[in-house]
């Protein structure tokens, strides 16, 4: 051992030697179909974003009744929280992948705070989906004739409702709706 140390210290390091890499039994290939893993969140984001985009496109000059304003606020909250829930759910694992375990540092009740936020947002989206469905059904049965609302508003609400319903299995798969 001392002879090796003296040889290195005198400027004569030993020759470097590495074994050849072992043979690889099977060639590695990309997993087919990984693009569709991104398709669902992109469609959810587009579906939830349809309501604010359609609202920006239609600027009505008439003032809505207080009940109608509450109803519009419900749909706005549903679309906004849906966007936030999908984004947060995707960013939590991505942050851990990029930054390492330090991204999940603040832990409460055994879970990272970011993931708890994603779970709370997912539960809020499900609750608002139920409230929006009940409100839409009640308004339809009570006093809104078939052609009273603009078609664009009805289409935007239907898109958000379908997106919110499709959000539920996606959130269950990701685990944000599981305790």
C-alpha atoms as a PDB file:
ATOM      1  CA  UNK A   1       0.000   0.000   0.000  1.00  0.00           C
ATOM      2  CA  UNK A   2       2.784   2.418   0.895  1.00  0.00           C
ATOM      3  CA  UNK A   3       4.565   1.691  -2.364  1.00  0.00           C
ATOM      4  CA  UNK A   4       1.444   2.744  -4.263  1.00  0.00           C
ATOM      5  CA  UNK A   5       1.172   5.977  -2.246  1.00  0.00           C
ATOM      6  CA  UNK A   6       4.881   6.756  -2.792  1.00  0.00           C
ATOM      7  CA  UNK A   7       4.536   6.080  -6.549  1.00  0.00           C
ATOM      8  CA  UNK A   8       1.558   8.471  -6.821  1.00  0.00           C
ATOM      9  CA  UNK A   9       3.334  11.108  -4.725  1.00  0.00           C
ATOM     10  CA  UNK A  10       6.454  10.924  -6.910  1.00  0.00           C
ATOM     11  CA  UNK A  11       4.383  11.578 -10.055  1.00  0.00           C
ATOM     12  CA  UNK A  12       4.025   7.993 -11.325  1.00  0.00           C
ATOM     13  CA  UNK A  13       0.351   7.076 -10.852  1.00  0.00           C
ATOM     14  CA  UNK A  14      -0.675   3.506 -11.660  1.00  0.00           C
ATOM     15  CA  UNK A  15      -2.263   2.815 -15.034  1.00  0.00           C
ATOM     16  CA  UNK A  16      -6.019   3.170 -15.154  1.00  0.00           C
ATOM     17  CA  UNK A  17      -7.875  -0.036 -15.844  1.00  0.00           C
ATOM     18  CA  UNK A  18     -11.595  -0.652 -16.268  1.00  0.00           C
ATOM     19  CA  UNK A  19     -13.393  -3.770 -17.327  1.00  0.00           C
ATOM     20  CA  UNK A  20     -15.442  -3.621 -20.517  1.00  0.00           C
ATOM     21  CA  UNK A  21     -19.166  -2.971 -20.131  1.00  0.00           C
ATOM     22  CA  UNK A  22     -21.228  -6.124 -19.804  1.00  0.00           C
ATOM     23  CA  UNK A  23     -23.341  -7.070 -22.809  1.00  0.00           C
ATOM     24  CA  UNK A  24     -26.953  -5.906 -22.818  1.00  0.00           C
ATOM     25  CA  UNK A  25     -29.353  -8.783 -23.385  1.00  0.00           C
ATOM     26  CA  UNK A  26     -32.178  -6.737 -24.877  1.00  0.00           C
ATOM     27  CA  UNK A  27     -32.136  -3.437 -26.707  1.00  0.00           C
ATOM     28  CA  UNK A  28     -33.954  -0.674 -24.853  1.00  0.00           C
ATOM     29  CA  UNK A  29     -36.758   1.087 -26.698  1.00  0.00           C
ATOM     30  CA  UNK A  30     -39.143   3.859 -25.827  1.00  0.00           C
ATOM     31  CA  UNK A  31     -42.442   2.762 -24.357  1.00  0.00           C
ATOM     32  CA  UNK A  32     -45.140   3.253 -26.994  1.00  0.00           C
ATOM     33  CA  UNK A  33     -48.108   5.380 -26.095  1.00  0.00           C
ATOM     34  CA  UNK A  34     -46.504   7.639 -23.504  1.00  0.00           C
ATOM     35  CA  UNK A  35     -47.837  10.674 -25.350  1.00  0.00           C
ATOM     36  CA  UNK A  36     -51.385   9.805 -24.287  1.00  0.00           C
ATOM     37  CA  UNK A  37     -50.401  10.235 -20.634  1.00  0.00           C
ATOM     38  CA  UNK A  38     -50.187  13.975 -21.398  1.00  0.00           C
ATOM     39  CA  UNK A  39     -53.334  14.022 -23.526  1.00  0.00           C
ATOM     40  CA  UNK A  40     -55.770  13.759 -20.609  1.00  0.00           C
ATOM     41  CA  UNK A  41     -54.373  16.657 -18.536  1.00  0.00           C
ATOM     42  CA  UNK A  42     -54.108  18.826 -21.651  1.00  0.00           C
ATOM     43  CA  UNK A  43     -57.756  18.121 -22.495  1.00  0.00           C
ATOM     44  CA  UNK A  44     -58.769  18.841 -18.898  1.00  0.00           C
ATOM     45  CA  UNK A  45     -56.887  22.140 -18.932  1.00  0.00           C
ATOM     46  CA  UNK A  46     -58.481  23.116 -22.253  1.00  0.00           C
ATOM     47  CA  UNK A  47     -61.937  22.129 -21.013  1.00  0.00           C
ATOM     48  CA  UNK A  48     -61.654  24.161 -17.814  1.00  0.00           C
ATOM     49  CA  UNK A  49     -60.129  27.104 -19.702  1.00  0.00           C
ATOM     50  CA  UNK A  50     -63.045  27.167 -22.163  1.00  0.00           C
ATOM     51  CA  UNK A  51     -65.317  29.037 -19.739  1.00  0.00           C
ATOM     52  CA  UNK A  52     -63.043  32.036 -19.056  1.00  0.00           C
ATOM     53  CA  UNK A  53     -62.071  32.186 -22.717  1.00  0.00           C
ATOM     54  CA  UNK A  54     -65.705  32.186 -23.843  1.00  0.00           C
ATOM     55  CA  UNK A  55     -66.461  34.822 -21.205  1.00  0.00           C
ATOM     56  CA  UNK A  56     -63.724  37.014 -22.600  1.00  0.00           C
ATOM     57  CA  UNK A  57     -65.120  36.562 -26.095  1.00  0.00           C
ATOM     58  CA  UNK A  58     -68.655  37.537 -25.165  1.00  0.00           C
ATOM     59  CA  UNK A  59     -68.852  40.867 -23.466  1.00  0.00           C
ATOM     60  CA  UNK A  60     -72.452  41.487 -22.600  1.00  0.00           C
ATOM     61  CA  UNK A  61     -73.596  45.000 -21.865  1.00  0.00           C
ATOM     62  CA  UNK A  62     -76.724  44.097 -19.961  1.00  0.00           C
ATOM     63  CA  UNK A  63     -76.512  43.664 -16.219  1.00  0.00           C
ATOM     64  CA  UNK A  64     -77.327  40.255 -14.871  1.00  0.00           C
ATOM     65  CA  UNK A  65     -79.793  39.648 -12.077  1.00  0.00           C
ATOM     66  CA  UNK A  66     -78.280  38.865  -8.628  1.00  0.00           C
ATOM     67  CA  UNK A  67     -79.260  35.180  -8.907  1.00  0.00           C
ATOM     68  CA  UNK A  68     -77.658  34.990 -12.344  1.00  0.00           C
ATOM     69  CA  UNK A  69     -74.494  36.664 -11.013  1.00  0.00           C
ATOM     70  CA  UNK A  70     -74.239  34.008  -8.283  1.00  0.00           C
ATOM     71  CA  UNK A  71     -74.681  31.308 -10.903  1.00  0.00           C
ATOM     72  CA  UNK A  72     -71.975  32.831 -13.098  1.00  0.00           C
ATOM     73  CA  UNK A  73     -69.685  33.044 -10.080  1.00  0.00           C
ATOM     74  CA  UNK A  74     -70.254  29.332  -9.402  1.00  0.00           C
ATOM     75  CA  UNK A  75     -69.180  28.424 -12.940  1.00  0.00           C
ATOM     76  CA  UNK A  76     -66.192  30.770 -12.720  1.00  0.00           C
ATOM     77  CA  UNK A  77     -65.064  29.139  -9.476  1.00  0.00           C
ATOM     78  CA  UNK A  78     -65.526  25.679 -10.961  1.00  0.00           C
ATOM     79  CA  UNK A  79     -63.447  26.539 -14.030  1.00  0.00           C
ATOM     80  CA  UNK A  80     -60.766  28.340 -12.020  1.00  0.00           C
ATOM     81  CA  UNK A  81     -60.406  25.684  -9.340  1.00  0.00           C
ATOM     82  CA  UNK A  82     -60.420  22.982 -12.021  1.00  0.00           C
ATOM     83  CA  UNK A  83     -57.496  24.679 -13.742  1.00  0.00           C
ATOM     84  CA  UNK A  84     -55.699  25.050 -10.420  1.00  0.00           C
ATOM     85  CA  UNK A  85     -56.343  21.424  -9.404  1.00  0.00           C
ATOM     86  CA  UNK A  86     -55.014  19.941 -12.643  1.00  0.00           C
ATOM     87  CA  UNK A  87     -51.997  22.250 -12.657  1.00  0.00           C
ATOM     88  CA  UNK A  88     -51.135  21.573  -8.999  1.00  0.00           C
ATOM     89  CA  UNK A  89     -51.560  17.826  -9.428  1.00  0.00           C
ATOM     90  CA  UNK A  90     -49.126  17.843 -12.342  1.00  0.00           C
ATOM     91  CA  UNK A  91     -46.612  20.197 -10.742  1.00  0.00           C
ATOM     92  CA  UNK A  92     -46.213  18.304  -7.439  1.00  0.00           C
ATOM     93  CA  UNK A  93     -44.519  15.178  -8.843  1.00  0.00           C
ATOM     94  CA  UNK A  94     -42.727  17.260 -11.457  1.00  0.00           C
ATOM     95  CA  UNK A  95     -41.214  19.451  -8.729  1.00  0.00           C
ATOM     96  CA  UNK A  96     -39.961  16.386  -6.850  1.00  0.00           C
ATOM     97  CA  UNK A  97     -38.540  14.978 -10.088  1.00  0.00           C
ATOM     98  CA  UNK A  98     -36.727  18.215 -10.918  1.00  0.00           C
ATOM     99  CA  UNK A  99     -35.681  19.455  -7.471  1.00  0.00           C
ATOM    100  CA  UNK A 100     -35.420  16.159  -5.647  1.00  0.00           C
ATOM    101  CA  UNK A 101     -36.842  15.346  -2.237  1.00  0.00           C
ATOM    102  CA  UNK A 102     -36.306  18.915  -1.081  1.00  0.00           C
ATOM    103  CA  UNK A 103     -39.376  19.996  -3.093  1.00  0.00           C
ATOM    104  CA  UNK A 104     -41.550  17.876  -0.817  1.00  0.00           C
ATOM    105  CA  UNK A 105     -39.941  19.201   2.353  1.00  0.00           C
ATOM    106  CA  UNK A 106     -42.837  20.723   4.312  1.00  0.00           C
ATOM    107  CA  UNK A 107     -44.831  17.666   5.365  1.00  0.00           C
ATOM    108  CA  UNK A 108     -48.134  17.788   7.258  1.00  0.00           C
ATOM    109  CA  UNK A 109     -50.028  14.652   8.283  1.00  0.00           C
ATOM    110  CA  UNK A 110     -47.481  12.543   6.424  1.00  0.00           C
ATOM    111  CA  UNK A 111     -47.985  14.295   3.081  1.00  0.00           C
ATOM    112  CA  UNK A 112     -46.228  17.171   1.332  1.00  0.00           C
ATOM    113  CA  UNK A 113     -48.081  20.468   1.628  1.00  0.00           C
ATOM    114  CA  UNK A 114     -48.235  20.823  -2.168  1.00  0.00           C
ATOM    115  CA  UNK A 115     -49.980  17.479  -2.472  1.00  0.00           C
ATOM    116  CA  UNK A 116     -52.433  18.410   0.298  1.00  0.00           C
ATOM    117  CA  UNK A 117     -53.246  21.571  -1.664  1.00  0.00           C
ATOM    118  CA  UNK A 118     -53.874  19.438  -4.766  1.00  0.00           C
ATOM    119  CA  UNK A 119     -56.186  17.189  -2.728  1.00  0.00           C
ATOM    120  CA  UNK A 120     -58.135  20.128  -1.289  1.00  0.00           C
ATOM    121  CA  UNK A 121     -58.522  21.643  -4.764  1.00  0.00           C
ATOM    122  CA  UNK A 122     -59.726  18.307  -6.161  1.00  0.00           C
ATOM    123  CA  UNK A 123     -62.339  17.946  -3.428  1.00  0.00           C
ATOM    124  CA  UNK A 124     -63.457  21.541  -4.065  1.00  0.00           C
ATOM    125  CA  UNK A 125     -63.837  20.803  -7.794  1.00  0.00           C
ATOM    126  CA  UNK A 126     -65.991  17.757  -7.047  1.00  0.00           C
ATOM    127  CA  UNK A 127     -68.135  19.752  -4.601  1.00  0.00           C
ATOM    128  CA  UNK A 128     -68.562  22.617  -7.066  1.00  0.00           C
ATOM    129  CA  UNK A 129     -69.408  20.141  -9.828  1.00  0.00           C
ATOM    130  CA  UNK A 130     -72.265  18.846  -7.708  1.00  0.00           C
ATOM    131  CA  UNK A 131     -73.412  22.367  -6.846  1.00  0.00           C
ATOM    132  CA  UNK A 132     -73.253  23.443 -10.491  1.00  0.00           C
ATOM    133  CA  UNK A 133     -75.238  20.397 -11.584  1.00  0.00           C
ATOM    134  CA  UNK A 134     -77.938  21.062  -8.980  1.00  0.00           C
ATOM    135  CA  UNK A 135     -78.072  24.763  -9.865  1.00  0.00           C
ATOM    136  CA  UNK A 136     -78.274  24.096 -13.597  1.00  0.00           C
ATOM    137  CA  UNK A 137     -81.021  21.523 -13.090  1.00  0.00           C
ATOM    138  CA  UNK A 138     -82.985  23.842 -10.784  1.00  0.00           C
ATOM    139  CA  UNK A 139     -82.729  26.811 -13.150  1.00  0.00           C
ATOM    140  CA  UNK A 140     -83.769  24.660 -16.072  1.00  0.00           C
ATOM    141  CA  UNK A 141     -86.822  23.328 -14.245  1.00  0.00           C
ATOM    142  CA  UNK A 142     -87.879  26.591 -12.597  1.00  0.00           C
ATOM    143  CA  UNK A 143     -87.954  29.503 -14.947  1.00  0.00           C
ATOM    144  CA  UNK A 144     -85.554  29.351 -17.836  1.00  0.00           C
ATOM    145  CA  UNK A 145     -87.205  28.608 -21.166  1.00  0.00           C
ATOM    146  CA  UNK A 146     -85.144  26.602 -23.640  1.00  0.00           C
ATOM    147  CA  UNK A 147     -83.936  29.513 -25.769  1.00  0.00           C
ATOM    148  CA  UNK A 148     -83.525  32.109 -23.013  1.00  0.00           C
ATOM    149  CA  UNK A 149     -79.762  31.824 -22.573  1.00  0.00           C
ATOM    150  CA  UNK A 150     -77.285  32.413 -25.349  1.00  0.00           C
ATOM    151  CA  UNK A 151     -76.067  29.239 -27.014  1.00  0.00           C
ATOM    152  CA  UNK A 152     -72.430  30.187 -26.417  1.00  0.00           C
ATOM    153  CA  UNK A 153     -72.971  30.436 -22.653  1.00  0.00           C
ATOM    154  CA  UNK A 154     -74.795  27.103 -22.557  1.00  0.00           C
ATOM    155  CA  UNK A 155     -72.064  25.426 -24.615  1.00  0.00           C
ATOM    156  CA  UNK A 156     -69.342  26.827 -22.353  1.00  0.00           C
ATOM    157  CA  UNK A 157     -71.125  25.601 -19.248  1.00  0.00           C
ATOM    158  CA  UNK A 158     -71.718  22.188 -20.787  1.00  0.00           C
ATOM    159  CA  UNK A 159     -68.033  21.943 -21.688  1.00  0.00           C
ATOM    160  CA  UNK A 160     -66.984  22.813 -18.147  1.00  0.00           C
ATOM    161  CA  UNK A 161     -69.485  20.342 -16.701  1.00  0.00           C
ATOM    162  CA  UNK A 162     -68.296  17.489 -18.935  1.00  0.00           C
ATOM    163  CA  UNK A 163     -64.690  18.366 -18.113  1.00  0.00           C
ATOM    164  CA  UNK A 164     -65.447  18.400 -14.384  1.00  0.00           C
ATOM    165  CA  UNK A 165     -67.150  15.003 -14.599  1.00  0.00           C
ATOM    166  CA  UNK A 166     -64.148  13.591 -16.501  1.00  0.00           C
ATOM    167  CA  UNK A 167     -61.868  15.158 -13.897  1.00  0.00           C
ATOM    168  CA  UNK A 168     -63.182  12.795 -11.202  1.00  0.00           C
ATOM    169  CA  UNK A 169     -61.735   9.507 -12.594  1.00  0.00           C
ATOM    170  CA  UNK A 170     -58.503  11.297 -13.501  1.00  0.00           C
ATOM    171  CA  UNK A 171     -58.170  12.652  -9.948  1.00  0.00           C
ATOM    172  CA  UNK A 172     -58.958   9.209  -8.523  1.00  0.00           C
ATOM    173  CA  UNK A 173     -56.241   7.691 -10.719  1.00  0.00           C
ATOM    174  CA  UNK A 174     -53.722  10.326  -9.570  1.00  0.00           C
ATOM    175  CA  UNK A 175     -54.779   9.833  -5.952  1.00  0.00           C
ATOM    176  CA  UNK A 176     -55.907  13.359  -5.163  1.00  0.00           C
ATOM    177  CA  UNK A 177     -59.390  12.168  -4.246  1.00  0.00           C
ATOM    178  CA  UNK A 178     -58.166   9.313  -2.061  1.00  0.00           C
ATOM    179  CA  UNK A 179     -57.568   9.783   1.652  1.00  0.00           C
END
